[in-house]
Structure formats: C-alpha cells, structure tokens
C-alpha cells in the first residue's frame, strides 16, 4: 500500500502505477509499505508476522488459511450507538 498526500487530501493506492499517476498530479508519497512474500514464509514466521501486526488468525492452522487471514480486508467496525 502506498499513501500519498496533497495539501489536506490523502489517497491510499495498491499499485505503483496508481501512485505514479497521483504523483504526476502533485501528490507526494507519505508511506510506502511493501507487501511481504507470504508464500516464501514458514507457518511460524506467518504467525509471528500476524502477532506483530495485531492480526487475528482465528482458527487458521494451515499455511494457505493463514495467508488468507493475513491478506483479508479488515471488517468495518460497527458504528457506535448515539449518545443519549
């Protein structure tokens, strides 16, 4: 993921191409997080990565299931009920 900023506008994109288009439009790169190569990691390394990032693996035991959990988009948090 790449985060870009222009004045008070922030954009987050997944590809270098999209980032390049925004940079051409005057945005500057704020952060650039490289995607780790999960398929090249061992199960214990995947579990350690998840723990470090605070990602809940649920009951995923197999490598493929752990990778799915790591790459899943986080669920939206429900809105808080209005205060009375």
Protein backbone atom coordinates (compact mmCIF):
# COMPACT_ATOMS: atom_id res chain seq x y z
CA UNK A 1 0.00 0.00 0.00
CA UNK A 2 1.16 3.46 -0.80
CA UNK A 3 -0.18 6.55 0.95
CA UNK A 4 0.05 9.88 -0.84
CA UNK A 5 -0.83 13.41 0.25
CA UNK A 6 -1.63 16.68 -1.48
CA UNK A 7 -2.49 19.56 0.84
CA UNK A 8 -5.20 18.08 3.10
CA UNK A 9 -6.16 15.24 0.71
CA UNK A 10 -4.87 11.73 1.41
CA UNK A 11 -5.05 8.79 -1.00
CA UNK A 12 -4.09 5.16 -0.44
CA UNK A 13 -3.38 3.03 -3.51
CA UNK A 14 -2.25 -0.55 -4.08
CA UNK A 15 -0.14 -0.16 -7.21
CA UNK A 16 2.93 1.73 -8.32
CA UNK A 17 1.06 2.83 -11.46
CA UNK A 18 -1.73 4.48 -9.47
CA UNK A 19 0.85 6.16 -7.23
CA UNK A 20 2.73 7.46 -10.27
CA UNK A 21 -0.48 8.99 -11.69
CA UNK A 22 -1.17 10.74 -8.39
CA UNK A 23 2.43 11.94 -8.14
CA UNK A 24 2.08 13.42 -11.62
CA UNK A 25 -0.98 15.27 -10.28
CA UNK A 26 1.05 16.85 -7.46
CA UNK A 27 0.68 14.28 -4.68
CA UNK A 28 3.71 13.23 -2.62
CA UNK A 29 4.36 9.79 -1.15
CA UNK A 30 3.89 9.69 2.63
CA UNK A 31 4.40 5.98 3.30
CA UNK A 32 5.20 3.02 1.15
CA UNK A 33 4.66 -0.41 2.67
CA UNK A 34 5.95 -3.31 0.65
CA UNK A 35 3.80 -6.41 0.63
CA UNK A 36 5.64 -9.30 2.26
CA UNK A 37 6.15 -12.53 0.34
CA UNK A 38 3.86 -14.72 2.45
CA UNK A 39 4.29 -17.78 0.23
CA UNK A 40 8.02 -17.78 0.97
CA UNK A 41 7.47 -17.72 4.73
CA UNK A 42 7.10 -20.67 7.09
CA UNK A 43 3.99 -21.13 9.26
CA UNK A 44 5.76 -19.95 12.42
CA UNK A 45 7.00 -16.84 10.57
CA UNK A 46 3.46 -16.12 9.35
CA UNK A 47 2.13 -16.47 12.91
CA UNK A 48 4.84 -14.13 14.22
CA UNK A 49 4.02 -11.58 11.50
CA UNK A 50 0.32 -11.74 12.39
CA UNK A 51 1.07 -11.27 16.08
CA UNK A 52 3.37 -8.31 15.39
CA UNK A 53 0.70 -6.65 13.23
CA UNK A 54 -2.15 -7.47 15.64
CA UNK A 55 -3.96 -9.63 13.08
CA UNK A 56 -6.34 -12.26 14.45
CA UNK A 57 -5.85 -15.54 12.59
CA UNK A 58 -8.99 -17.05 14.08
CA UNK A 59 -8.71 -20.82 13.88
CA UNK A 60 -6.45 -20.86 10.80
CA UNK A 61 -3.99 -23.74 11.11
CA UNK A 62 -2.77 -24.42 7.56
CA UNK A 63 -0.39 -22.12 5.72
CA UNK A 64 -2.93 -21.31 2.99
CA UNK A 65 -5.58 -20.44 5.59
CA UNK A 66 -3.15 -18.23 7.49
CA UNK A 67 -2.21 -16.39 4.28
CA UNK A 68 -5.91 -15.84 3.52
CA UNK A 69 -6.40 -14.39 7.00
CA UNK A 70 -3.38 -12.10 6.58
CA UNK A 71 -4.49 -10.80 3.20
CA UNK A 72 -8.20 -10.43 4.01
CA UNK A 73 -9.51 -6.90 4.15
CA UNK A 74 -10.37 -5.90 7.72
CA UNK A 75 -14.07 -5.88 8.54
CA UNK A 76 -15.63 -2.48 9.07
CA UNK A 77 -16.22 -1.65 12.71
CA UNK A 78 -19.89 -1.12 13.56
CA UNK A 79 -20.86 2.46 14.32
CA UNK A 80 -21.23 3.35 17.97
CA UNK A 81 -24.80 3.92 19.13
CA UNK A 82 -25.72 7.59 19.50
CA UNK A 83 -25.18 9.07 22.94
CA UNK A 84 -28.30 9.86 24.93
